Amino acid sequence: MADNLSEALKKLKLASADSATDSVESCLDCLLKALAHNNANASEKVQEMGVLSLLPTLLAPQSSCTPKVANIIAEVAKNEFMRSPCVEAGLIPPLVQLLHSKDQEVLLQTGRALGNICYDSHSLQAQLINMGVIPTLVKLLGLHSDNTALTEMCLIAFGNLAELESSKEQFASTNIAEELVRLFQKQAEHEKKEMIFEVLAPLAENDVIKLQLVEAGLVECLLDVVTHTVNGDRDEDVAQLKTASDLMVLLLLGDESMQKLFDAGKGSVFERVLSWVPSHNHQLQLAGALAIANFARNDGNCIQMVESGIVQKLLELLDRHVEEGNVTVQHAALSALRNLAIPVVNKAKMLSAGVSDTVLKFLPSEMPPVQFKLLGTLRMLIDTQADAADQLGTNSKLVERLVEWCEAKDHAGVMGESNRLLSALIRHSKSKDVVKTVIQGAGVKHLVVMAMSEHMIMQNEALVALGLIAGLDLVGAEKDFVGAGLVQVLHKLLSDERTAPEIKYNSMILICAVMGSEPLHKEVQGLAFIDVVSKLRSHENKTVSHQASLTEQRLTAQS
């Protein structure tokens, strides 16, 4: 075989020089046979004898040899060691040109050859994108959608190219959305649908393409898949159900595509997706809850959804998962409730629907994602709602758990949200009983630490809560304030030039508030606060400079 191959390759070199088509054809046949027998060996031989450099001239659009030459390139490029030599031999430009051919066999082999040469190489794939292959391939898909092999070749190419960010803009300027949806509607086989799904998922990450897919009718296809697979127990049904419902949620991440499907709360798609929440299928429950969380991205939608009774459905779903304990469903349903609770008009309605009671059932959860969403939901609900803040703030079990989570060093998100909720309970209730509960639960020290947060919003929330503690129960908090080094923290905040004006203002308010305590007053005198404060009288911010004058008077009067 090896000798025949060497002979054939020698002949090929001579014949290609003379343009003797017949003898070239027979040499190519011999080479294809050798590649089929032992690809790696035959490819090495091709490389050794310098045959690759002959191939660009043999890739002439009119030549009858072209499909075989492209097939040979596709075969040798299956070997990683042959890919760079193929590029160096200048094979990419003539192959790209051949994508304009009318011959389906030429197109198929050309697509395979380019795919194999550029396999796993982002830089070569980017080169193809710059050479304009995307619009060409999309056009091919439209022209040859009846040719299964060619269609698959296009889909594989799209799947590879769609991973590159630079491809998305080019895809968005073609009619890829219509072509893929049309192709999807024609498919009956699971494998074919999966292939199309694999292209749709990366493309749907782009907001422009999301909208194009919605307008091309992809959503109806996805809802169809869900209907046909929801009661199926074959693996492929389960897989398709997951892919279709995940893709549906992905389409809702785009603002325009989401609003189009919401359709003022009357959209049939919106209604169908809602019907997933009470389903018995965990995958659909998850997708339904995530969809609601995505629809709940602006106040108008949130208000409408709460009026339509969605909250009840989510609470029933959560109730089913207190025992069943599917963490992803818990997380998704809590995310939806958190978003719905953002508009002020929704808070009281949601509280009277019993949202906080249901959410508290997940207090024992050991899963940080669930803890994080639970905290966020409660924080949104009590914002401006004094009674609810009072009720939750005097719940010693909740306060104990918050204090425990304030120490969750491994989970910064949970730690931050716990601190913020602790502060919010005090700020929104302004209640002495809540302050007492927080002091008894050992929460004060965490609020002092929070005052040094790198996030200004959290610093501010902490200082306002500490001010209320000092105002409502200074005697009860005195020991904790001393133990946590509150006065030292305030000194640091006021001395640091980088501290924001509102933080300085609230720090001075707090200094005045703690002066009524003897041990804290002593600490204030010991740190010579009067020097720091008098410097702030010339602060460019009028509110700060005015407060500095008042604070200085107070410190002088009590020194």
Protein backbone atom coordinates (compact mmCIF):
# COMPACT_ATOMS: atom_id res chain seq x y z
CA MET A 1 0.00 0.00 0.00
CA ALA A 2 2.81 2.40 1.04
CA ASP A 3 4.69 1.84 -2.24
CA ASN A 4 1.54 2.35 -4.31
CA LEU A 5 0.92 5.54 -2.36
CA SER A 6 4.44 6.90 -2.95
CA GLU A 7 4.05 6.13 -6.65
CA ALA A 8 0.65 7.80 -6.75
CA LEU A 9 1.96 10.90 -4.99
CA LYS A 10 4.90 11.16 -7.37
CA LYS A 11 2.52 10.80 -10.31
CA LEU A 12 0.23 13.39 -8.78
CA LYS A 13 3.07 15.92 -8.67
CA LEU A 14 3.88 15.32 -12.32
CA ALA A 15 0.29 15.09 -13.52
CA SER A 16 -0.79 18.26 -11.71
CA ALA A 17 2.09 20.09 -13.37
CA ASP A 18 0.82 18.92 -16.79
CA SER A 19 -2.87 19.38 -15.86
CA ALA A 20 -3.54 15.80 -17.02
CA THR A 21 -6.99 15.36 -15.47
CA ASP A 22 -7.40 11.61 -15.93
CA SER A 23 -4.13 10.62 -14.32
CA VAL A 24 -4.72 13.19 -11.54
CA GLU A 25 -8.09 11.55 -10.84
CA SER A 26 -6.62 8.07 -10.52
CA CYS A 27 -3.85 9.37 -8.20
CA LEU A 28 -6.48 11.06 -6.04
CA ASP A 29 -8.49 7.82 -5.87
CA CYS A 30 -5.38 5.96 -4.75
CA LEU A 31 -4.70 8.59 -2.08
CA LEU A 32 -8.29 8.44 -0.77
CA LYS A 33 -8.02 4.65 -0.53
CA ALA A 34 -4.76 4.96 1.43
CA LEU A 35 -6.34 7.50 3.78
CA ALA A 36 -9.29 5.20 4.38
CA HIS A 37 -6.87 2.36 5.16
CA ASN A 38 -4.53 4.25 7.53
CA ASN A 39 -5.20 7.95 7.76
CA ALA A 40 -2.25 8.97 9.96
CA ASN A 41 0.40 7.14 7.88
CA ALA A 42 -0.97 8.33 4.56
CA SER A 43 -1.20 11.92 5.88
CA GLU A 44 2.42 11.83 7.00
CA LYS A 45 3.42 10.68 3.52
CA VAL A 46 1.43 13.56 1.95
CA GLN A 47 3.27 15.98 4.24
CA GLU A 48 6.73 14.45 3.56
CA MET A 49 6.35 14.57 -0.21
CA GLY A 50 5.14 18.18 -0.26
CA VAL A 51 1.83 17.36 -1.92
CA LEU A 52 -0.23 19.91 0.08
CA SER A 53 1.26 22.83 -1.86
CA LEU A 54 -0.11 21.32 -5.13
CA LEU A 55 -3.67 21.21 -3.86
CA PRO A 56 -4.69 24.91 -4.08
CA THR A 57 -4.32 24.81 -7.87
CA LEU A 58 -6.39 21.59 -8.01
CA LEU A 59 -9.26 23.30 -6.15
CA ALA A 60 -10.48 25.05 -9.29
CA PRO A 61 -14.26 25.64 -9.17
CA GLN A 62 -14.85 24.05 -12.60
CA SER A 63 -12.53 21.04 -12.23
CA SER A 64 -14.07 17.58 -11.91
CA CYS A 65 -11.31 16.74 -9.38
CA THR A 66 -12.42 19.41 -6.90
CA PRO A 67 -14.75 17.30 -4.70
CA LYS A 68 -12.05 14.61 -4.33
CA VAL A 69 -9.34 17.17 -3.52
CA ALA A 70 -11.58 18.78 -0.87
CA ASN A 71 -12.37 15.31 0.52
CA ILE A 72 -8.62 14.54 0.76
CA ILE A 73 -8.03 17.81 2.64
CA ALA A 74 -10.94 16.99 4.98
CA GLU A 75 -9.43 13.55 5.64
CA VAL A 76 -5.83 14.67 6.27
CA ALA A 77 -7.04 17.55 8.49
CA LYS A 78 -8.60 15.01 10.86
CA ASN A 79 -5.01 14.72 12.20
CA GLU A 80 -4.00 17.58 14.44
CA PHE A 81 -0.42 17.57 13.09
CA MET A 82 -1.71 18.26 9.57
CA ARG A 83 -3.78 21.36 10.37
CA SER A 84 -0.98 23.96 10.45
CA PRO A 85 0.62 22.56 7.26
CA CYS A 86 -2.80 22.88 5.54
CA VAL A 87 -3.00 26.54 6.57
CA GLU A 88 0.62 27.16 5.51
CA ALA A 89 -0.06 25.56 2.11
CA GLY A 90 -2.66 28.32 1.54
CA LEU A 91 -5.69 26.01 1.40
CA ILE A 92 -8.13 28.22 3.31
CA PRO A 93 -8.76 31.00 0.69
CA PRO A 94 -9.52 28.63 -2.26
CA LEU A 95 -11.75 26.50 0.00
CA VAL A 96 -13.69 29.58 1.14
CA GLN A 97 -14.18 30.53 -2.52
CA LEU A 98 -15.65 27.07 -3.20
CA LEU A 99 -18.49 27.75 -0.74
CA HIS A 100 -20.05 29.74 -3.62
CA SER A 101 -20.19 26.59 -5.79
CA LYS A 102 -23.54 25.21 -7.02
CA ASP A 103 -22.32 21.60 -6.75
CA GLN A 104 -23.65 20.00 -3.55
CA GLU A 105 -20.84 17.43 -3.33
CA VAL A 106 -18.21 20.20 -3.66
CA LEU A 107 -20.01 22.20 -0.93
CA LEU A 108 -20.18 19.24 1.41
CA GLN A 109 -16.50 18.29 1.09
CA THR A 110 -15.40 21.94 1.26
CA GLY A 111 -17.36 22.45 4.46
CA ARG A 112 -15.83 19.32 5.97
CA ALA A 113 -12.32 20.42 4.94
CA LEU A 114 -12.68 23.91 6.46
CA GLY A 115 -14.29 22.47 9.58
CA ASN A 116 -11.48 19.99 10.15
CA ILE A 117 -8.66 22.47 9.45
CA CYS A 118 -10.14 25.05 11.85
CA TYR A 119 -11.31 22.53 14.44
CA ASP A 120 -10.64 23.82 17.97
CA SER A 121 -8.75 26.90 16.74
CA HIS A 122 -10.43 30.16 17.69
CA SER A 123 -7.93 32.20 15.66
CA LEU A 124 -8.62 30.23 12.45
CA GLN A 125 -12.37 30.34 13.07
CA ALA A 126 -12.09 34.11 13.54
CA GLN A 127 -10.21 34.26 10.22
CA LEU A 128 -13.12 32.44 8.52
CA ILE A 129 -15.59 34.89 10.09
CA ASN A 130 -13.53 37.82 8.73
CA MET A 131 -13.56 36.17 5.29
CA GLY A 132 -17.36 36.32 5.39
CA VAL A 133 -18.26 32.63 5.65
CA ILE A 134 -21.23 33.23 7.96
CA PRO A 135 -23.61 34.91 5.46
CA THR A 136 -22.46 32.40 2.81
CA LEU A 137 -23.26 29.38 5.03
CA VAL A 138 -26.62 30.83 6.10
CA LYS A 139 -27.52 31.25 2.43
CA LEU A 140 -26.43 27.63 1.76
CA LEU A 141 -28.67 26.39 4.54
CA GLY A 142 -31.63 28.13 2.93
CA LEU A 143 -30.84 26.83 -0.57
CA HIS A 144 -30.05 23.23 0.36
CA SER A 145 -32.26 22.53 3.38
CA ASP A 146 -33.41 19.28 1.71
CA ASN A 147 -29.85 17.90 1.61
CA THR A 148 -29.39 16.26 5.03
CA ALA A 149 -25.60 15.97 4.84
CA LEU A 150 -25.16 19.60 3.79
CA THR A 151 -27.60 20.81 6.44
CA GLU A 152 -25.67 18.94 9.13
CA MET A 153 -22.40 20.39 7.84
CA CYS A 154 -23.84 23.93 8.14
CA LEU A 155 -25.18 23.24 11.64
CA ILE A 156 -21.83 21.91 12.87
CA ALA A 157 -20.11 24.98 11.40
CA PHE A 158 -22.62 27.33 13.04
CA GLY A 159 -22.20 25.54 16.37
CA ASN A 160 -18.42 26.08 16.26
CA LEU A 161 -18.53 29.67 14.99
CA ALA A 162 -21.32 30.76 17.35
CA GLU A 163 -19.00 30.21 20.32
CA LEU A 164 -16.98 33.24 19.18
CA GLU A 165 -18.35 36.59 20.31
CA SER A 166 -17.24 38.19 17.02
CA SER A 167 -19.64 35.93 15.11
CA LYS A 168 -22.81 37.17 16.81
CA GLU A 169 -22.95 40.50 15.00
CA GLN A 170 -22.55 38.76 11.62
CA PHE A 171 -25.18 36.16 12.46
CA ALA A 172 -27.54 38.96 13.53
CA SER A 173 -27.26 40.58 10.08
CA THR A 174 -28.42 37.38 8.33
CA ASN A 175 -31.77 35.58 8.40
CA ILE A 176 -30.30 32.73 10.50
CA ALA A 177 -33.22 32.92 12.94
CA GLU A 178 -35.83 32.25 10.23
CA GLU A 179 -33.72 29.50 8.64
CA LEU A 180 -33.15 27.64 11.91
CA VAL A 181 -36.78 27.91 12.98
CA ARG A 182 -37.95 26.69 9.56
CA LEU A 183 -35.49 23.78 9.76
CA PHE A 184 -36.59 22.98 13.32
CA GLN A 185 -40.25 22.82 12.30
CA LYS A 186 -39.42 20.18 9.65
CA GLN A 187 -37.53 17.86 12.01
CA ALA A 188 -39.08 14.80 13.53
CA GLU A 189 -35.94 13.10 14.86
CA HIS A 190 -34.58 13.85 18.32
CA GLU A 191 -30.91 13.93 17.12
CA LYS A 192 -31.67 16.53 14.45
CA LYS A 193 -33.55 18.73 16.91
CA GLU A 194 -30.65 18.44 19.35
CA MET A 195 -28.23 19.61 16.63
CA ILE A 196 -30.35 22.70 16.00
CA PHE A 197 -30.69 23.34 19.75
CA GLU A 198 -26.90 23.29 20.03
CA VAL A 199 -26.70 26.18 17.57
CA LEU A 200 -29.66 28.08 19.01
CA ALA A 201 -28.33 28.18 22.59
CA PRO A 202 -25.10 30.16 21.91
CA LEU A 203 -26.84 32.38 19.34
CA ALA A 204 -29.66 33.21 21.76
CA GLU A 205 -27.15 34.77 24.14
CA ASN A 206 -27.20 37.78 21.81
CA ASP A 207 -30.10 40.19 22.49
CA VAL A 208 -30.65 41.13 18.82
CA ILE A 209 -30.82 37.45 17.82
CA LYS A 210 -33.13 36.70 20.79
CA LEU A 211 -35.68 39.09 19.34
CA GLN A 212 -35.20 37.69 15.81
CA LEU A 213 -35.81 34.16 17.13
CA VAL A 214 -38.97 35.27 18.95
CA GLU A 215 -40.22 37.00 15.79
CA ALA A 216 -39.38 33.94 13.68
CA GLY A 217 -41.68 31.80 15.87
CA LEU A 218 -39.14 29.82 17.90
CA VAL A 219 -41.23 30.17 21.06
CA GLU A 220 -44.17 28.32 19.54
CA CYS A 221 -41.77 25.51 18.52
CA LEU A 222 -40.42 25.32 22.06
CA LEU A 223 -43.90 25.23 23.61
CA ASP A 224 -44.73 22.41 21.21
CA VAL A 225 -41.68 20.44 22.31
CA VAL A 226 -42.72 20.93 25.95
CA THR A 227 -46.26 19.71 25.24
CA HIS A 228 -44.99 16.57 23.50
CA THR A 229 -42.31 15.66 26.01
CA VAL A 230 -43.69 16.69 29.41
CA ASN A 231 -45.23 13.28 30.13
CA GLY A 232 -42.57 11.26 28.33
CA ASP A 233 -40.19 9.12 30.36
CA ARG A 234 -37.65 8.31 27.63
CA ASP A 235 -34.24 9.90 28.14
CA GLU A 236 -34.61 11.88 24.93
CA ASP A 237 -37.94 13.34 26.10
CA VAL A 238 -36.37 14.45 29.37
CA ALA A 239 -33.40 15.96 27.50
CA GLN A 240 -35.58 17.81 24.98
CA LEU A 241 -37.88 19.14 27.69
CA LYS A 242 -34.89 20.55 29.58
CA THR A 243 -33.29 22.08 26.48
CA ALA A 244 -36.55 23.64 25.26
CA SER A 245 -37.53 25.11 28.62
CA ASP A 246 -33.97 26.39 29.30
CA LEU A 247 -33.91 28.06 25.90
CA MET A 248 -37.28 29.64 26.61
CA VAL A 249 -35.88 31.20 29.79
CA LEU A 250 -32.80 32.38 27.87
CA LEU A 251 -35.02 34.22 25.34
CA LEU A 252 -36.63 36.08 28.25
CA LEU A 253 -33.28 37.52 29.36
CA GLY A 254 -33.46 40.09 26.53
CA ASP A 255 -35.50 43.17 27.45
CA GLU A 256 -37.20 43.51 24.06
CA SER A 257 -37.86 39.81 23.56
CA MET A 258 -39.19 39.54 27.13
CA GLN A 259 -41.53 42.52 26.72
CA LYS A 260 -42.80 41.20 23.38
CA LEU A 261 -43.68 37.84 24.96
CA PHE A 262 -45.19 39.46 28.06
CA ASP A 263 -47.50 41.40 25.75
CA ALA A 264 -49.01 43.48 28.57
CA GLY A 265 -49.67 40.32 30.59
CA LYS A 266 -52.07 39.02 27.95
CA GLY A 267 -49.53 37.14 25.84
CA SER A 268 -50.48 33.51 25.19
CA VAL A 269 -46.82 32.59 25.72
CA PHE A 270 -46.84 34.34 29.08
CA GLU A 271 -49.96 32.41 30.09
CA ARG A 272 -48.53 29.06 28.93
CA VAL A 273 -45.31 29.61 30.86
CA LEU A 274 -47.33 30.45 33.98
CA SER A 275 -49.09 27.13 33.69
CA TRP A 276 -45.71 25.43 34.15
CA VAL A 277 -45.45 26.58 37.78
CA PRO A 278 -48.14 24.22 39.18
CA SER A 279 -46.86 21.36 36.94
CA HIS A 280 -45.65 18.11 38.54
CA ASN A 281 -42.45 18.22 36.52
CA HIS A 282 -39.50 19.80 38.40
CA GLN A 283 -37.85 21.01 35.19
CA LEU A 284 -41.01 22.88 34.16
CA GLN A 285 -41.56 24.27 37.66
CA LEU A 286 -38.01 25.60 37.54
CA ALA A 287 -38.41 27.12 34.08
CA GLY A 288 -41.77 28.64 35.03
CA ALA A 289 -40.37 30.29 38.16
CA LEU A 290 -37.29 31.55 36.29
CA ALA A 291 -39.55 32.91 33.55
CA ILE A 292 -41.60 34.86 36.12
CA ALA A 293 -38.36 36.23 37.62
CA ASN A 294 -37.37 37.39 34.12
CA PHE A 295 -40.77 38.90 33.31
CA ALA A 296 -40.51 40.72 36.67
CA ARG A 297 -37.72 43.00 35.49
CA ASN A 298 -39.71 46.23 35.42
CA ASP A 299 -42.28 47.75 37.76
CA GLY A 300 -45.15 47.70 35.28
CA ASN A 301 -44.86 43.95 34.69
CA CYS A 302 -44.43 43.27 38.42
CA ILE A 303 -47.54 45.22 39.40
CA GLN A 304 -49.62 43.49 36.74
CA MET A 305 -48.37 40.03 37.71
CA VAL A 306 -49.11 40.50 41.41
CA GLU A 307 -52.63 41.67 40.49
CA SER A 308 -53.10 38.53 38.38
CA GLY A 309 -52.50 36.24 41.38
CA ILE A 310 -49.09 34.86 40.49
CA VAL A 311 -47.86 35.16 44.08
CA GLN A 312 -50.23 32.44 45.24
CA LYS A 313 -48.88 30.04 42.59
CA LEU A 314 -45.30 30.69 43.69
CA LEU A 315 -46.17 30.20 47.36
CA GLU A 316 -47.88 26.88 46.60
CA LEU A 317 -44.79 25.84 44.62
CA LEU A 318 -42.50 26.75 47.52
CA ASP A 319 -44.74 24.89 49.96
CA ARG A 320 -44.33 21.75 47.85
CA HIS A 321 -40.56 22.17 48.03
CA VAL A 322 -40.13 22.65 51.76
CA GLU A 323 -40.22 18.86 52.06
CA GLU A 324 -39.18 17.83 48.52
CA GLY A 325 -36.35 20.30 48.81
CA ASN A 326 -35.36 20.84 45.17
CA VAL A 327 -32.79 23.61 45.68
CA THR A 328 -32.91 25.00 42.12
CA VAL A 329 -36.69 25.34 42.27
CA GLN A 330 -36.52 26.98 45.72
CA HIS A 331 -33.90 29.42 44.43
CA ALA A 332 -35.89 30.28 41.29
CA ALA A 333 -39.20 30.79 43.13
CA LEU A 334 -37.53 33.01 45.73
CA SER A 335 -35.86 35.02 42.94
CA ALA A 336 -39.26 35.59 41.37
CA LEU A 337 -40.78 36.73 44.68
CA ARG A 338 -37.84 39.04 45.35
CA ASN A 339 -38.26 40.77 41.97
CA LEU A 340 -42.04 41.02 42.36
CA ALA A 341 -41.56 42.70 45.76
CA ILE A 342 -39.56 45.62 44.34
CA PRO A 343 -42.46 48.02 43.44
CA VAL A 344 -43.77 49.72 46.60
CA VAL A 345 -47.43 49.02 45.74
CA ASN A 346 -46.74 45.25 45.70
CA LYS A 347 -45.20 44.99 49.16
CA ALA A 348 -48.33 45.20 51.31
CA LYS A 349 -50.25 42.90 48.94
CA MET A 350 -47.51 40.31 49.07
CA LEU A 351 -47.21 40.55 52.84
CA SER A 352 -50.93 40.03 53.31
CA ALA A 353 -50.74 37.04 50.93
CA GLY A 354 -48.39 35.47 53.50
CA VAL A 355 -45.13 35.67 51.54
CA SER A 356 -42.94 36.28 54.60
CA ASP A 357 -44.40 33.26 56.42
CA THR A 358 -43.67 30.97 53.48
CA VAL A 359 -40.18 32.39 53.00
CA LEU A 360 -39.36 31.85 56.68
CA LYS A 361 -39.99 28.11 56.24
CA PHE A 362 -36.63 28.03 54.40
CA LEU A 363 -34.71 29.56 57.30
CA PRO A 364 -33.18 26.15 58.21
CA SER A 365 -31.77 25.76 54.65
CA GLU A 366 -28.05 25.06 54.49
CA MET A 367 -27.80 26.03 50.81
CA PRO A 368 -26.14 29.45 50.30
CA PRO A 369 -28.01 30.26 47.03
CA VAL A 370 -31.34 29.71 48.83
CA GLN A 371 -30.18 31.65 51.90
CA PHE A 372 -29.11 34.54 49.65
CA LYS A 373 -32.47 34.79 47.86
CA LEU A 374 -34.45 34.32 51.09
CA LEU A 375 -32.62 37.29 52.63
CA GLY A 376 -33.08 39.44 49.53
CA THR A 377 -36.80 38.67 49.38
CA LEU A 378 -37.38 39.62 53.02
CA ARG A 379 -35.32 42.79 52.61
CA MET A 380 -37.39 43.87 49.59
CA LEU A 381 -40.66 43.09 51.37
CA ILE A 382 -40.01 45.16 54.52
CA ASP A 383 -38.65 48.21 52.70
CA THR A 384 -40.96 51.07 53.89
CA GLN A 385 -43.24 48.52 55.65
CA ALA A 386 -42.94 49.35 59.37
CA ASP A 387 -45.36 46.71 60.69
CA ALA A 388 -43.72 43.89 58.76
CA ALA A 389 -40.25 45.05 59.82
CA ASP A 390 -41.47 45.13 63.43
CA GLN A 391 -42.96 41.65 63.20
CA LEU A 392 -39.87 40.10 61.59
CA GLY A 393 -37.45 42.11 63.71
CA THR A 394 -38.91 40.74 66.93
CA ASN A 395 -38.71 37.16 65.60
CA SER A 396 -35.74 35.98 67.68
CA LYS A 397 -35.29 32.82 65.55
CA LEU A 398 -34.85 34.96 62.44
CA VAL A 399 -32.48 37.39 64.19
CA GLU A 400 -30.37 34.49 65.54
CA ARG A 401 -30.07 33.00 62.05
CA LEU A 402 -29.12 36.40 60.60
CA VAL A 403 -26.37 36.82 63.18
CA GLU A 404 -25.11 33.33 62.32
CA TRP A 405 -25.07 34.20 58.59
CA CYS A 406 -23.31 37.52 59.30
CA GLU A 407 -20.30 35.30 60.07
CA ALA A 408 -20.54 33.24 56.85
CA LYS A 409 -17.03 34.20 55.71
CA ASP A 410 -17.12 31.64 52.86
CA HIS A 411 -20.22 33.20 51.34
CA ALA A 412 -19.75 36.94 50.91
CA GLY A 413 -23.18 37.34 49.31
CA VAL A 414 -25.03 35.70 52.23
CA MET A 415 -22.92 37.63 54.71
CA GLY A 416 -23.65 40.97 53.02
CA GLU A 417 -27.39 40.31 52.67
CA SER A 418 -27.69 39.22 56.34
CA ASN A 419 -26.08 42.44 57.49
CA ARG A 420 -28.31 44.48 55.22
CA LEU A 421 -31.48 42.74 56.45
CA LEU A 422 -30.44 43.17 60.08
CA SER A 423 -29.99 46.89 59.46
CA ALA A 424 -33.25 47.11 57.44
CA LEU A 425 -35.30 45.55 60.27
CA ILE A 426 -34.17 48.38 62.56
CA ARG A 427 -34.35 51.18 59.97
CA HIS A 428 -37.86 50.39 58.74
CA SER A 429 -39.41 49.49 62.10
CA LYS A 430 -37.71 52.21 64.20
CA SER A 431 -38.91 49.99 67.04
CA LYS A 432 -37.41 49.65 70.51
CA ASP A 433 -38.51 46.00 70.64
CA VAL A 434 -36.64 45.22 67.42
CA VAL A 435 -33.54 46.96 68.76
CA LYS A 436 -33.80 44.90 71.97
CA THR A 437 -34.11 41.66 69.94
CA VAL A 438 -31.01 42.57 67.89
CA ILE A 439 -29.02 43.44 71.02
CA GLN A 440 -30.07 40.17 72.72
CA GLY A 441 -29.20 38.22 69.57
CA ALA A 442 -25.66 39.72 69.56
CA GLY A 443 -26.23 41.54 66.27
CA VAL A 444 -24.81 44.95 67.18
CA LYS A 445 -21.14 44.06 66.58
CA HIS A 446 -21.97 43.00 63.00
CA LEU A 447 -23.52 46.39 62.25
CA VAL A 448 -20.36 48.10 63.58
CA VAL A 449 -18.24 45.95 61.23
CA MET A 450 -20.69 46.74 58.39
CA ALA A 451 -20.00 50.48 58.91
CA MET A 452 -16.50 49.79 57.55
CA SER A 453 -17.80 48.01 54.42
CA GLU A 454 -16.23 48.84 51.06
CA HIS A 455 -19.74 49.56 49.73
CA MET A 456 -20.96 53.02 50.64
CA ILE A 457 -24.64 52.00 50.59
CA MET A 458 -23.92 49.34 53.24
CA GLN A 459 -21.89 51.77 55.36
CA ASN A 460 -24.79 54.18 55.32
CA GLU A 461 -27.38 51.54 56.18
CA ALA A 462 -25.21 50.41 59.11
CA LEU A 463 -24.70 53.93 60.49
CA VAL A 464 -28.42 54.79 60.30
CA ALA A 465 -29.29 51.52 62.12
CA LEU A 466 -26.59 52.17 64.77
CA GLY A 467 -27.96 55.68 65.24
CA LEU A 468 -31.43 54.24 65.88
CA ILE A 469 -30.00 51.70 68.36
CA ALA A 470 -28.22 54.52 70.20
CA GLY A 471 -31.40 56.61 70.19
CA LEU A 472 -33.76 53.85 71.29
CA ASP A 473 -31.68 51.81 73.75
CA LEU A 474 -28.25 53.28 74.40
CA VAL A 475 -28.02 51.63 77.83
CA GLY A 476 -28.77 48.18 76.40
CA ALA A 477 -26.28 48.58 73.55
CA GLU A 478 -23.49 50.31 75.47
CA LYS A 479 -21.48 47.14 76.24
CA ASP A 480 -21.66 45.96 72.61
CA PHE A 481 -20.68 49.39 71.27
CA VAL A 482 -17.59 49.41 73.48
CA GLY A 483 -16.75 45.76 72.72
CA ALA A 484 -17.03 46.28 68.94
CA GLY A 485 -14.89 49.46 69.01
CA LEU A 486 -17.65 51.70 67.62
CA VAL A 487 -15.95 54.97 68.65
CA GLN A 488 -12.66 53.91 67.01
CA VAL A 489 -14.54 53.03 63.81
CA LEU A 490 -16.22 56.46 63.75
CA HIS A 491 -12.87 58.16 64.31
CA LYS A 492 -11.41 56.27 61.36
CA LEU A 493 -14.35 57.19 59.10
CA LEU A 494 -14.16 60.89 60.02
CA SER A 495 -10.34 61.09 59.67
CA ASP A 496 -10.20 59.40 56.28
CA GLU A 497 -10.34 61.89 53.39
CA ARG A 498 -11.80 59.22 51.09
CA THR A 499 -14.93 58.80 53.24
CA ALA A 500 -18.05 59.99 51.37
CA PRO A 501 -19.83 63.12 52.69
CA GLU A 502 -23.01 61.28 53.75
CA ILE A 503 -20.94 58.76 55.72
CA LYS A 504 -19.16 61.62 57.52
CA TYR A 505 -22.52 63.27 58.23
CA ASN A 506 -24.06 60.09 59.69
CA SER A 507 -20.88 59.37 61.68
CA MET A 508 -21.14 62.77 63.39
CA ILE A 509 -24.84 62.23 64.12
CA LEU A 510 -23.87 58.93 65.75
CA ILE A 511 -21.08 60.53 67.80
CA CYS A 512 -23.63 62.96 69.28
CA ALA A 513 -26.03 60.05 69.95
CA VAL A 514 -23.51 57.99 71.96
CA MET A 515 -22.33 60.92 74.11
CA GLY A 516 -25.06 60.10 76.63
CA SER A 517 -23.13 56.97 77.67
CA GLU A 518 -20.33 57.49 80.15
CA PRO A 519 -17.87 54.84 78.86
CA LEU A 520 -18.48 55.88 75.23
CA HIS A 521 -18.18 59.56 76.11
CA LYS A 522 -14.79 58.82 77.75
CA GLU A 523 -13.63 57.05 74.57
CA VAL A 524 -14.71 60.05 72.46
CA GLN A 525 -12.69 62.41 74.67
CA GLY A 526 -9.69 60.07 74.65
CA LEU A 527 -9.51 60.10 70.84
CA ALA A 528 -9.53 63.91 70.53
CA PHE A 529 -12.54 63.92 68.22
CA ILE A 530 -12.81 67.67 68.50
CA ASP A 531 -9.74 68.15 66.25
CA VAL A 532 -11.11 65.87 63.54
CA VAL A 533 -14.55 67.48 63.65
CA SER A 534 -13.31 71.08 63.61
CA LYS A 535 -11.41 70.35 60.37
CA LEU A 536 -14.70 69.24 58.81
CA ARG A 537 -16.23 72.68 59.42
CA SER A 538 -14.53 73.82 56.20
CA HIS A 539 -15.77 70.78 54.23
CA GLU A 540 -17.01 71.65 50.72
CA ASN A 541 -20.30 69.87 51.42
CA LYS A 542 -22.57 72.35 53.25
CA THR A 543 -24.52 69.63 55.12
CA VAL A 544 -21.28 68.14 56.41
CA SER A 545 -19.79 71.50 57.45
CA HIS A 546 -23.03 72.52 59.21
CA GLN A 547 -23.18 69.18 61.09
CA ALA A 548 -19.49 69.58 62.00
CA SER A 549 -20.27 72.93 63.70
CA LEU A 550 -23.15 71.38 65.66
CA THR A 551 -21.05 68.35 66.64
CA GLU A 552 -18.15 70.59 67.72
CA GLN A 553 -20.50 72.61 69.95
CA ARG A 554 -21.80 69.40 71.51
CA LEU A 555 -18.31 68.03 72.12
CA THR A 556 -17.14 71.35 73.62
CA ALA A 557 -20.19 71.61 75.86
CA GLN A 558 -19.65 68.11 77.23
CA SER A 559 -15.86 68.09 77.52
